[in-house]
Amino acid sequence: MNSPLGLYELPAPAKLNLFLHVTGRRDDGYHLLQSVFVLLDWCDTVHLELRRDGALRRHDLAEAVPEDDLCLRAARALQQASGCALGVDIHLHKRLPSGAGLGGGSSDAATVLLGLNRLWGLRWPRERLLALGLTLGADVPFFIGGDSAFVEGIGERLTPLPTLAPMHFAVVKPPAHIATADIFRSPQLVRNTEPVIVTGFPADASGFGRNDLEPAAKALEPQVGQALEWLTARFGNARMTGSGSAVFARLLPTARYAGEGGTADASSATGPAKRLQDLPPGWVGRMCRSLDRHPLRDWSD
């Protein structure tokens, strides 16, 4: 339910990196990447309530996040850049596991920017929001863009991929967290993968390429390798998303999808959903499907 005083139940979806190649490094130390990002139906939820006093506040409805998280930083950046005197109470319901490579924090920030652009009546065009989002993090522009995309540079160059086929995934995250900086410092990181071009990119991209960060992540945290082995044993393929530690497997087209609270191939004792029921203690898993576009894709022009 939305009103002039608040916007509620705003989704902040996760993403998967179908592949992730490191193609070089800039003079400033940032690594150059190529990837395909797809949105998932696994989401955090954001509620925004208007404040007239200009204050910015965040309230955690589930898992607590750091005090000055990307949601608050996004609200502060938009308030300062626009000169808006209004404030907001941000109510954040975290469902996405942190430290997973699923883009949860960046997605939350993008949803806050899209929502505040409407709640505060700013009417900023998408390009302006994209530029502001990039100052917050390399993944934020993708969520503002709102489409599956071929991603280049440090994450700022997006080529929409509207022809990607719908996909279903099993996604698993072990308890381990990995610092992205440690992965990019690792001597095991490949930094010279040959660039690919987006022209003619396959509609089914899930089997393309690899995640160049995976060997370094496995060396730093054995649970990543364990998760890959666990998922491969049940679904026949697995790779890490982003800088981990979540891993995913593409489900075969014949497997029926089950969202949260649903069933998949329930008539079979080995159906996809049932194969996630024996996760090790402390692990998180979910059956997911790709989204054609961000649910708030039309909230900026």
C-alpha atoms as a PDB file:
ATOM      1  CA  MET A   1       0.000   0.000   0.000  1.00  0.00           C
ATOM      2  CA  ASN A   2       1.420   3.386  -1.021  1.00  0.00           C
ATOM      3  CA  SER A   3       0.411   6.928  -0.119  1.00  0.00           C
ATOM      4  CA  PRO A   4       1.886  10.446  -0.325  1.00  0.00           C
ATOM      5  CA  LEU A   5       3.354   9.774   3.128  1.00  0.00           C
ATOM      6  CA  GLY A   6       4.882   6.388   2.482  1.00  0.00           C
ATOM      7  CA  LEU A   7       5.847   3.642   0.040  1.00  0.00           C
ATOM      8  CA  TYR A   8       5.590   0.078   1.294  1.00  0.00           C
ATOM      9  CA  GLU A   9       6.599  -3.444   0.253  1.00  0.00           C
ATOM     10  CA  LEU A  10       9.266  -2.231  -2.174  1.00  0.00           C
ATOM     11  CA  PRO A  11      11.302  -5.230  -3.408  1.00  0.00           C
ATOM     12  CA  ALA A  12      15.098  -5.270  -3.544  1.00  0.00           C
ATOM     13  CA  PRO A  13      15.914  -8.409  -5.583  1.00  0.00           C
ATOM     14  CA  ALA A  14      19.120 -10.419  -5.541  1.00  0.00           C
ATOM     15  CA  LYS A  15      21.301 -10.981  -8.584  1.00  0.00           C
ATOM     16  CA  LEU A  16      23.471 -13.789  -9.882  1.00  0.00           C
ATOM     17  CA  ASN A  17      26.661 -13.495 -11.899  1.00  0.00           C
ATOM     18  CA  LEU A  18      26.206 -16.162 -14.564  1.00  0.00           C
ATOM     19  CA  PHE A  19      29.930 -15.818 -15.178  1.00  0.00           C
ATOM     20  CA  LEU A  20      32.581 -13.375 -13.957  1.00  0.00           C
ATOM     21  CA  HIS A  21      35.791 -12.735 -15.883  1.00  0.00           C
ATOM     22  CA  VAL A  22      38.622 -10.465 -14.761  1.00  0.00           C
ATOM     23  CA  THR A  23      40.093  -8.962 -17.926  1.00  0.00           C
ATOM     24  CA  GLY A  24      42.640  -6.521 -16.502  1.00  0.00           C
ATOM     25  CA  ARG A  25      43.330  -3.811 -13.963  1.00  0.00           C
ATOM     26  CA  ARG A  26      43.167  -0.028 -14.200  1.00  0.00           C
ATOM     27  CA  ASP A  27      45.985   2.257 -13.130  1.00  0.00           C
ATOM     28  CA  ASP A  28      44.013   3.157  -9.993  1.00  0.00           C
ATOM     29  CA  GLY A  29      43.943  -0.486  -8.902  1.00  0.00           C
ATOM     30  CA  TYR A  30      40.331  -1.273  -9.818  1.00  0.00           C
ATOM     31  CA  HIS A  31      39.887  -4.546 -11.676  1.00  0.00           C
ATOM     32  CA  LEU A  32      38.157  -4.648 -15.056  1.00  0.00           C
ATOM     33  CA  LEU A  33      35.391  -7.205 -15.223  1.00  0.00           C
ATOM     34  CA  GLN A  34      32.961  -8.800 -17.624  1.00  0.00           C
ATOM     35  CA  SER A  35      29.857 -10.572 -16.414  1.00  0.00           C
ATOM     36  CA  VAL A  36      26.204 -11.262 -17.064  1.00  0.00           C
ATOM     37  CA  PHE A  37      23.925 -10.266 -14.191  1.00  0.00           C
ATOM     38  CA  VAL A  38      20.420 -11.669 -13.823  1.00  0.00           C
ATOM     39  CA  LEU A  39      17.808 -10.644 -11.258  1.00  0.00           C
ATOM     40  CA  LEU A  40      16.234 -13.218  -8.937  1.00  0.00           C
ATOM     41  CA  ASP A  41      12.862 -13.467  -7.248  1.00  0.00           C
ATOM     42  CA  TRP A  42      14.632 -13.647  -3.842  1.00  0.00           C
ATOM     43  CA  CYS A  43      14.243 -10.163  -2.357  1.00  0.00           C
ATOM     44  CA  ASP A  44      14.754  -7.912   0.625  1.00  0.00           C
ATOM     45  CA  THR A  45      11.829  -5.588   1.354  1.00  0.00           C
ATOM     46  CA  VAL A  46      12.024  -1.833   1.946  1.00  0.00           C
ATOM     47  CA  HIS A  47       9.357   0.480   3.407  1.00  0.00           C
ATOM     48  CA  LEU A  48       9.820   4.258   3.155  1.00  0.00           C
ATOM     49  CA  GLU A  49       7.931   6.740   5.360  1.00  0.00           C
ATOM     50  CA  LEU A  50       8.195  10.468   4.700  1.00  0.00           C
ATOM     51  CA  ARG A  51       9.719  12.762   7.333  1.00  0.00           C
ATOM     52  CA  ARG A  52       9.283  16.533   7.233  1.00  0.00           C
ATOM     53  CA  ASP A  53      12.263  17.270   9.490  1.00  0.00           C
ATOM     54  CA  GLY A  54      14.933  16.161   7.014  1.00  0.00           C
ATOM     55  CA  ALA A  55      16.193  13.343   9.253  1.00  0.00           C
ATOM     56  CA  LEU A  56      17.269  10.013   7.756  1.00  0.00           C
ATOM     57  CA  ARG A  57      16.634   6.941   9.892  1.00  0.00           C
ATOM     58  CA  ARG A  58      16.836   3.197   9.272  1.00  0.00           C
ATOM     59  CA  HIS A  59      14.895   0.578  11.234  1.00  0.00           C
ATOM     60  CA  ASP A  60      15.802  -3.117  10.976  1.00  0.00           C
ATOM     61  CA  LEU A  61      12.783  -5.420  10.766  1.00  0.00           C
ATOM     62  CA  ALA A  62      14.807  -8.642  10.746  1.00  0.00           C
ATOM     63  CA  GLU A  63      18.571  -9.172  10.645  1.00  0.00           C
ATOM     64  CA  ALA A  64      20.459  -6.113  11.864  1.00  0.00           C
ATOM     65  CA  VAL A  65      22.776  -4.459   9.343  1.00  0.00           C
ATOM     66  CA  PRO A  66      25.691  -2.057   9.975  1.00  0.00           C
ATOM     67  CA  GLU A  67      24.671   1.270  11.461  1.00  0.00           C
ATOM     68  CA  ASP A  68      25.624   3.348   8.408  1.00  0.00           C
ATOM     69  CA  ASP A  69      24.678   0.921   5.659  1.00  0.00           C
ATOM     70  CA  LEU A  70      24.201   1.499   1.930  1.00  0.00           C
ATOM     71  CA  CYS A  71      20.513   2.351   2.421  1.00  0.00           C
ATOM     72  CA  LEU A  72      21.354   5.346   4.593  1.00  0.00           C
ATOM     73  CA  ARG A  73      24.297   6.307   2.427  1.00  0.00           C
ATOM     74  CA  ALA A  74      22.035   6.219  -0.645  1.00  0.00           C
ATOM     75  CA  ALA A  75      19.407   8.395   1.048  1.00  0.00           C
ATOM     76  CA  ARG A  76      22.059  10.844   2.223  1.00  0.00           C
ATOM     77  CA  ALA A  77      23.680  11.057  -1.214  1.00  0.00           C
ATOM     78  CA  LEU A  78      20.329  11.723  -2.918  1.00  0.00           C
ATOM     79  CA  GLN A  79      19.300  14.276  -0.309  1.00  0.00           C
ATOM     80  CA  GLN A  80      22.571  16.178  -0.681  1.00  0.00           C
ATOM     81  CA  ALA A  81      22.719  15.976  -4.485  1.00  0.00           C
ATOM     82  CA  SER A  82      19.109  17.115  -4.904  1.00  0.00           C
ATOM     83  CA  GLY A  83      19.036  19.699  -2.129  1.00  0.00           C
ATOM     84  CA  CYS A  84      15.835  18.107  -0.828  1.00  0.00           C
ATOM     85  CA  ALA A  85      14.795  19.201   2.663  1.00  0.00           C
ATOM     86  CA  LEU A  86      12.662  16.110   3.303  1.00  0.00           C
ATOM     87  CA  GLY A  87      13.758  13.051   5.245  1.00  0.00           C
ATOM     88  CA  VAL A  88      12.732   9.428   5.515  1.00  0.00           C
ATOM     89  CA  ASP A  89      12.311   6.472   7.863  1.00  0.00           C
ATOM     90  CA  ILE A  90      13.694   3.404   6.077  1.00  0.00           C
ATOM     91  CA  HIS A  91      12.299   0.111   7.350  1.00  0.00           C
ATOM     92  CA  LEU A  92      14.466  -2.711   6.020  1.00  0.00           C
ATOM     93  CA  HIS A  93      13.463  -6.370   6.095  1.00  0.00           C
ATOM     94  CA  LYS A  94      16.577  -8.362   5.224  1.00  0.00           C
ATOM     95  CA  ARG A  95      15.944 -11.752   3.667  1.00  0.00           C
ATOM     96  CA  LEU A  96      19.057 -12.021   1.503  1.00  0.00           C
ATOM     97  CA  PRO A  97      22.114 -13.380   3.305  1.00  0.00           C
ATOM     98  CA  SER A  98      24.964 -10.936   3.666  1.00  0.00           C
ATOM     99  CA  GLY A  99      28.436 -11.640   2.312  1.00  0.00           C
ATOM    100  CA  ALA A 100      26.951 -13.891  -0.360  1.00  0.00           C
ATOM    101  CA  GLY A 101      27.789 -12.171  -3.665  1.00  0.00           C
ATOM    102  CA  LEU A 102      24.054 -11.752  -4.295  1.00  0.00           C
ATOM    103  CA  GLY A 103      24.208  -7.949  -4.293  1.00  0.00           C
ATOM    104  CA  GLY A 104      21.821  -7.490  -1.366  1.00  0.00           C
ATOM    105  CA  GLY A 105      23.266  -4.249  -0.016  1.00  0.00           C
ATOM    106  CA  SER A 106      23.553  -2.706  -3.476  1.00  0.00           C
ATOM    107  CA  SER A 107      20.012  -3.762  -4.321  1.00  0.00           C
ATOM    108  CA  ASP A 108      18.698  -2.220  -1.093  1.00  0.00           C
ATOM    109  CA  ALA A 109      20.455   1.044  -1.971  1.00  0.00           C
ATOM    110  CA  ALA A 110      19.019   1.053  -5.497  1.00  0.00           C
ATOM    111  CA  THR A 111      15.490   0.465  -4.194  1.00  0.00           C
ATOM    112  CA  VAL A 112      15.924   3.327  -1.728  1.00  0.00           C
ATOM    113  CA  LEU A 113      17.067   5.648  -4.544  1.00  0.00           C
ATOM    114  CA  LEU A 114      14.173   4.640  -6.801  1.00  0.00           C
ATOM    115  CA  GLY A 115      11.673   4.933  -3.972  1.00  0.00           C
ATOM    116  CA  LEU A 116      12.904   8.282  -2.669  1.00  0.00           C
ATOM    117  CA  ASN A 117      12.982   9.700  -6.175  1.00  0.00           C
ATOM    118  CA  ARG A 118       9.210   9.131  -6.148  1.00  0.00           C
ATOM    119  CA  LEU A 119       8.442   9.833  -2.464  1.00  0.00           C
ATOM    120  CA  TRP A 120      10.338  13.136  -2.494  1.00  0.00           C
ATOM    121  CA  GLY A 121       8.914  14.121  -5.894  1.00  0.00           C
ATOM    122  CA  LEU A 122      12.353  14.636  -7.435  1.00  0.00           C
ATOM    123  CA  ARG A 123      11.590  13.166 -10.889  1.00  0.00           C
ATOM    124  CA  TRP A 124      15.239  12.470 -11.594  1.00  0.00           C
ATOM    125  CA  PRO A 125      15.793  10.598 -14.897  1.00  0.00           C
ATOM    126  CA  ARG A 126      17.358   7.159 -14.788  1.00  0.00           C
ATOM    127  CA  GLU A 127      20.719   8.360 -16.100  1.00  0.00           C
ATOM    128  CA  ARG A 128      21.089  10.744 -13.187  1.00  0.00           C
ATOM    129  CA  LEU A 129      20.225   8.025 -10.682  1.00  0.00           C
ATOM    130  CA  LEU A 130      22.702   5.674 -12.377  1.00  0.00           C
ATOM    131  CA  ALA A 131      25.530   8.181 -11.968  1.00  0.00           C
ATOM    132  CA  LEU A 132      24.701   8.696  -8.305  1.00  0.00           C
ATOM    133  CA  GLY A 133      24.390   4.955  -7.755  1.00  0.00           C
ATOM    134  CA  LEU A 134      27.890   4.339  -9.107  1.00  0.00           C
ATOM    135  CA  THR A 135      29.337   6.541  -6.348  1.00  0.00           C
ATOM    136  CA  LEU A 136      27.824   4.115  -3.821  1.00  0.00           C
ATOM    137  CA  GLY A 137      29.029   0.852  -5.336  1.00  0.00           C
ATOM    138  CA  ALA A 138      29.790  -0.849  -8.631  1.00  0.00           C
ATOM    139  CA  ASP A 139      26.678  -3.072  -8.514  1.00  0.00           C
ATOM    140  CA  VAL A 140      24.156  -0.327  -7.689  1.00  0.00           C
ATOM    141  CA  PRO A 141      23.721   0.904 -11.310  1.00  0.00           C
ATOM    142  CA  PHE A 142      22.686  -2.583 -12.421  1.00  0.00           C
ATOM    143  CA  PHE A 143      19.731  -2.637 -10.040  1.00  0.00           C
ATOM    144  CA  ILE A 144      18.716   0.889 -11.049  1.00  0.00           C
ATOM    145  CA  GLY A 145      18.941  -0.103 -14.723  1.00  0.00           C
ATOM    146  CA  GLY A 146      16.440  -2.842 -14.031  1.00  0.00           C
ATOM    147  CA  ASP A 147      17.267  -5.367 -16.769  1.00  0.00           C
ATOM    148  CA  SER A 148      19.444  -8.459 -17.040  1.00  0.00           C
ATOM    149  CA  ALA A 149      22.662  -7.081 -18.452  1.00  0.00           C
ATOM    150  CA  PHE A 150      26.091  -7.719 -19.866  1.00  0.00           C
ATOM    151  CA  VAL A 151      28.324  -5.816 -17.434  1.00  0.00           C
ATOM    152  CA  GLU A 152      31.770  -4.377 -18.179  1.00  0.00           C
ATOM    153  CA  GLY A 153      34.351  -2.011 -16.728  1.00  0.00           C
ATOM    154  CA  ILE A 154      34.078  -1.905 -12.935  1.00  0.00           C
ATOM    155  CA  GLY A 155      30.325  -2.457 -13.212  1.00  0.00           C
ATOM    156  CA  GLU A 156      29.294   0.851 -14.744  1.00  0.00           C
ATOM    157  CA  ARG A 157      28.921  -0.234 -18.385  1.00  0.00           C
ATOM    158  CA  LEU A 158      25.606  -2.026 -18.835  1.00  0.00           C
ATOM    159  CA  THR A 159      24.216  -3.587 -22.008  1.00  0.00           C
ATOM    160  CA  PRO A 160      20.648  -4.857 -21.427  1.00  0.00           C
ATOM    161  CA  LEU A 161      20.006  -8.473 -22.421  1.00  0.00           C
ATOM    162  CA  PRO A 162      16.235  -8.703 -22.910  1.00  0.00           C
ATOM    163  CA  THR A 163      16.516 -11.962 -24.856  1.00  0.00           C
ATOM    164  CA  LEU A 164      17.898 -14.072 -22.010  1.00  0.00           C
ATOM    165  CA  ALA A 165      15.803 -17.176 -21.528  1.00  0.00           C
ATOM    166  CA  PRO A 166      13.947 -17.647 -18.209  1.00  0.00           C
ATOM    167  CA  MET A 167      16.043 -19.695 -15.808  1.00  0.00           C
ATOM    168  CA  HIS A 168      15.557 -21.573 -12.542  1.00  0.00           C
ATOM    169  CA  PHE A 169      18.314 -21.994  -9.968  1.00  0.00           C
ATOM    170  CA  ALA A 170      19.183 -23.654  -6.695  1.00  0.00           C
ATOM    171  CA  VAL A 171      21.135 -21.146  -4.584  1.00  0.00           C
ATOM    172  CA  VAL A 172      23.088 -22.125  -1.475  1.00  0.00           C
ATOM    173  CA  LYS A 173      25.175 -20.077   0.952  1.00  0.00           C
ATOM    174  CA  PRO A 174      27.390 -21.574   3.671  1.00  0.00           C
ATOM    175  CA  PRO A 175      28.034 -19.525   6.855  1.00  0.00           C
ATOM    176  CA  ALA A 176      31.431 -18.300   5.639  1.00  0.00           C
ATOM    177  CA  HIS A 177      31.980 -14.671   4.663  1.00  0.00           C
ATOM    178  CA  ILE A 178      34.842 -13.621   2.386  1.00  0.00           C
ATOM    179  CA  ALA A 179      36.269 -10.120   2.137  1.00  0.00           C
ATOM    180  CA  THR A 180      36.194  -9.086  -1.514  1.00  0.00           C
ATOM    181  CA  ALA A 181      39.471  -7.194  -1.064  1.00  0.00           C
ATOM    182  CA  ASP A 182      41.197 -10.414   0.056  1.00  0.00           C
ATOM    183  CA  ILE A 183      40.073 -12.187  -3.121  1.00  0.00           C
ATOM    184  CA  PHE A 184      41.377  -9.418  -5.370  1.00  0.00           C
ATOM    185  CA  ARG A 185      44.729  -9.468  -3.526  1.00  0.00           C
ATOM    186  CA  SER A 186      45.080 -13.227  -3.913  1.00  0.00           C
ATOM    187  CA  PRO A 187      47.974 -14.521  -6.071  1.00  0.00           C
ATOM    188  CA  GLN A 188      45.555 -17.188  -7.362  1.00  0.00           C
ATOM    189  CA  LEU A 189      43.332 -14.625  -9.048  1.00  0.00           C
ATOM    190  CA  VAL A 190      43.415 -14.727 -12.846  1.00  0.00           C
ATOM    191  CA  ARG A 191      43.540 -11.124 -14.135  1.00  0.00           C
ATOM    192  CA  ASN A 192      44.001 -11.552 -17.874  1.00  0.00           C
ATOM    193  CA  THR A 193      40.987 -13.459 -19.195  1.00  0.00           C
ATOM    194  CA  GLU A 194      40.413 -12.658 -22.860  1.00  0.00           C
ATOM    195  CA  PRO A 195      37.483 -10.226 -23.232  1.00  0.00           C
ATOM    196  CA  VAL A 196      34.330 -11.399 -24.964  1.00  0.00           C
ATOM    197  CA  ILE A 197      31.880  -9.305 -26.970  1.00  0.00           C
ATOM    198  CA  VAL A 198      28.188  -8.978 -26.292  1.00  0.00           C
ATOM    199  CA  THR A 199      27.146  -9.339 -29.949  1.00  0.00           C
ATOM    200  CA  GLY A 200      25.479 -12.685 -30.445  1.00  0.00           C
ATOM    201  CA  PHE A 201      25.609 -13.538 -26.752  1.00  0.00           C
ATOM    202  CA  PRO A 202      23.707 -16.811 -26.158  1.00  0.00           C
ATOM    203  CA  ALA A 203      20.161 -16.586 -24.824  1.00  0.00           C
ATOM    204  CA  ASP A 204      21.069 -19.381 -22.400  1.00  0.00           C
ATOM    205  CA  ALA A 205      24.158 -17.901 -20.738  1.00  0.00           C
ATOM    206  CA  SER A 206      24.241 -20.091 -17.632  1.00  0.00           C
ATOM    207  CA  GLY A 207      26.838 -22.482 -19.036  1.00  0.00           C
ATOM    208  CA  PHE A 208      29.105 -19.806 -20.465  1.00  0.00           C
ATOM    209  CA  GLY A 209      32.532 -18.936 -19.054  1.00  0.00           C
ATOM    210  CA  ARG A 210      33.519 -19.256 -15.407  1.00  0.00           C
ATOM    211  CA  ASN A 211      33.966 -17.223 -12.236  1.00  0.00           C
ATOM    212  CA  ASP A 212      37.603 -16.118 -12.138  1.00  0.00           C
ATOM    213  CA  LEU A 213      37.252 -15.323  -8.422  1.00  0.00           C
ATOM    214  CA  GLU A 214      36.306 -18.874  -7.498  1.00  0.00           C
ATOM    215  CA  PRO A 215      39.805 -20.436  -7.088  1.00  0.00           C
ATOM    216  CA  ALA A 216      40.938 -17.612  -4.815  1.00  0.00           C
ATOM    217  CA  ALA A 217      37.734 -17.809  -2.791  1.00  0.00           C
ATOM    218  CA  LYS A 218      38.081 -21.570  -2.329  1.00  0.00           C
ATOM    219  CA  ALA A 219      41.658 -21.138  -1.129  1.00  0.00           C
ATOM    220  CA  LEU A 220      40.615 -18.469   1.365  1.00  0.00           C
ATOM    221  CA  GLU A 221      37.504 -20.265   2.632  1.00  0.00           C
ATOM    222  CA  PRO A 222      37.111 -24.059   2.330  1.00  0.00           C
ATOM    223  CA  GLN A 223      33.332 -23.805   2.809  1.00  0.00           C
ATOM    224  CA  VAL A 224      33.032 -22.372  -0.704  1.00  0.00           C
ATOM    225  CA  GLY A 225      34.518 -25.547  -2.147  1.00  0.00           C
ATOM    226  CA  GLN A 226      32.303 -27.651   0.105  1.00  0.00           C
ATOM    227  CA  ALA A 227      29.207 -25.775  -1.088  1.00  0.00           C
ATOM    228  CA  LEU A 228      30.218 -26.245  -4.723  1.00  0.00           C
ATOM    229  CA  GLU A 229      30.685 -29.986  -4.184  1.00  0.00           C
ATOM    230  CA  TRP A 230      27.388 -30.257  -2.276  1.00  0.00           C
ATOM    231  CA  LEU A 231      25.404 -28.490  -4.976  1.00  0.00           C
ATOM    232  CA  THR A 232      27.116 -30.284  -7.875  1.00  0.00           C
ATOM    233  CA  ALA A 233      26.345 -33.659  -6.301  1.00  0.00           C
ATOM    234  CA  ARG A 234      22.625 -32.802  -6.346  1.00  0.00           C
ATOM    235  CA  PHE A 235      22.209 -30.781  -9.545  1.00  0.00           C
ATOM    236  CA  GLY A 236      25.205 -31.641 -11.702  1.00  0.00           C
ATOM    237  CA  ASN A 237      26.635 -28.116 -12.032  1.00  0.00           C
ATOM    238  CA  ALA A 238      27.612 -25.331  -9.676  1.00  0.00           C
ATOM    239  CA  ARG A 239      29.604 -22.120  -9.621  1.00  0.00           C
ATOM    240  CA  MET A 240      30.129 -19.201  -7.284  1.00  0.00           C
ATOM    241  CA  THR A 241      28.305 -15.906  -7.798  1.00  0.00           C
ATOM    242  CA  GLY A 242      30.141 -12.597  -7.488  1.00  0.00           C
ATOM    243  CA  SER A 243      32.837 -12.694  -4.833  1.00  0.00           C
ATOM    244  CA  GLY A 244      30.933 -15.369  -2.878  1.00  0.00           C
ATOM    245  CA  SER A 245      30.286 -17.173  -0.729  1.00  0.00           C
ATOM    246  CA  ALA A 246      26.944 -18.176  -2.299  1.00  0.00           C
ATOM    247  CA  VAL A 247      26.966 -20.748  -5.091  1.00  0.00           C
ATOM    248  CA  PHE A 248      24.266 -21.676  -7.565  1.00  0.00           C
ATOM    249  CA  ALA A 249      23.251 -24.411  -9.982  1.00  0.00           C
ATOM    250  CA  ARG A 250      21.027 -24.077 -13.029  1.00  0.00           C
ATOM    251  CA  LEU A 251      18.024 -26.389 -12.887  1.00  0.00           C
ATOM    252  CA  LEU A 252      17.187 -28.445 -15.937  1.00  0.00           C
ATOM    253  CA  PRO A 253      14.216 -27.128 -17.954  1.00  0.00           C
ATOM    254  CA  THR A 254      12.181 -30.186 -16.972  1.00  0.00           C
ATOM    255  CA  ALA A 255      12.456 -29.407 -13.259  1.00  0.00           C
ATOM    256  CA  ARG A 256       9.440 -27.599 -11.883  1.00  0.00           C
ATOM    257  CA  TYR A 257      10.145 -24.377 -10.019  1.00  0.00           C
ATOM    258  CA  ALA A 258       9.254 -23.801  -6.391  1.00  0.00           C
ATOM    259  CA  GLY A 259       9.355 -20.375  -4.826  1.00  0.00           C
ATOM    260  CA  GLU A 260       9.418 -19.684  -1.117  1.00  0.00           C
ATOM    261  CA  GLY A 261       6.819 -21.824   0.556  1.00  0.00           C
ATOM    262  CA  GLY A 262       6.084 -23.802  -2.615  1.00  0.00           C
ATOM    263  CA  THR A 263       7.012 -27.224  -3.937  1.00  0.00           C
ATOM    264  CA  ALA A 264       9.013 -28.375  -6.919  1.00  0.00           C
ATOM    265  CA  ASP A 265       8.464 -31.781  -8.459  1.00  0.00           C
ATOM    266  CA  ALA A 266       6.759 -32.715  -5.207  1.00  0.00           C
ATOM    267  CA  SER A 267       5.793 -36.149  -6.523  1.00  0.00           C
ATOM    268  CA  SER A 268       9.439 -37.182  -6.579  1.00  0.00           C
ATOM    269  CA  ALA A 269      11.503 -37.894  -3.482  1.00  0.00           C
ATOM    270  CA  THR A 270      14.483 -36.444  -5.319  1.00  0.00           C
ATOM    271  CA  GLY A 271      12.754 -33.330  -6.696  1.00  0.00           C
ATOM    272  CA  PRO A 272      14.700 -30.051  -6.672  1.00  0.00           C
ATOM    273  CA  ALA A 273      13.087 -28.589  -3.544  1.00  0.00           C
ATOM    274  CA  LYS A 274      13.558 -31.818  -1.599  1.00  0.00           C
ATOM    275  CA  ARG A 275      17.247 -31.846  -2.519  1.00  0.00           C
ATOM    276  CA  LEU A 276      17.692 -28.601  -0.575  1.00  0.00           C
ATOM    277  CA  GLN A 277      16.083 -29.956   2.587  1.00  0.00           C
ATOM    278  CA  ASP A 278      19.236 -31.610   3.916  1.00  0.00           C
ATOM    279  CA  LEU A 279      21.415 -28.505   3.997  1.00  0.00           C
ATOM    280  CA  PRO A 280      24.212 -28.607   6.584  1.00  0.00           C
ATOM    281  CA  PRO A 281      23.548 -26.627   9.796  1.00  0.00           C
ATOM    282  CA  GLY A 282      23.906 -22.894   9.331  1.00  0.00           C
ATOM    283  CA  TRP A 283      23.614 -23.036   5.536  1.00  0.00           C
ATOM    284  CA  VAL A 284      20.901 -21.132   3.665  1.00  0.00           C
ATOM    285  CA  GLY A 285      19.318 -22.350   0.436  1.00  0.00           C
ATOM    286  CA  ARG A 286      16.458 -21.439  -1.840  1.00  0.00           C
ATOM    287  CA  MET A 287      14.961 -22.365  -5.187  1.00  0.00           C
ATOM    288  CA  CYS A 288      14.905 -19.229  -7.344  1.00  0.00           C
ATOM    289  CA  ARG A 289      13.879 -18.093 -10.784  1.00  0.00           C
ATOM    290  CA  SER A 290      15.169 -15.245 -12.898  1.00  0.00           C
ATOM    291  CA  LEU A 291      13.125 -12.070 -13.296  1.00  0.00           C
ATOM    292  CA  ASP A 292      12.475 -10.491 -16.678  1.00  0.00           C
ATOM    293  CA  ARG A 293      13.050  -7.054 -15.133  1.00  0.00           C
ATOM    294  CA  HIS A 294      13.294  -5.256 -11.795  1.00  0.00           C
ATOM    295  CA  PRO A 295       9.831  -4.814 -10.225  1.00  0.00           C
ATOM    296  CA  LEU A 296      10.529  -1.046  -9.974  1.00  0.00           C
ATOM    297  CA  ARG A 297      11.970  -0.792 -13.499  1.00  0.00           C
ATOM    298  CA  ASP A 298       9.368   1.799 -14.534  1.00  0.00           C
ATOM    299  CA  TRP A 299       9.925   4.060 -11.530  1.00  0.00           C
ATOM    300  CA  SER A 300      12.406   6.212 -13.450  1.00  0.00           C
ATOM    301  CA  ASP A 301      12.449   7.234 -17.093  1.00  0.00           C
END
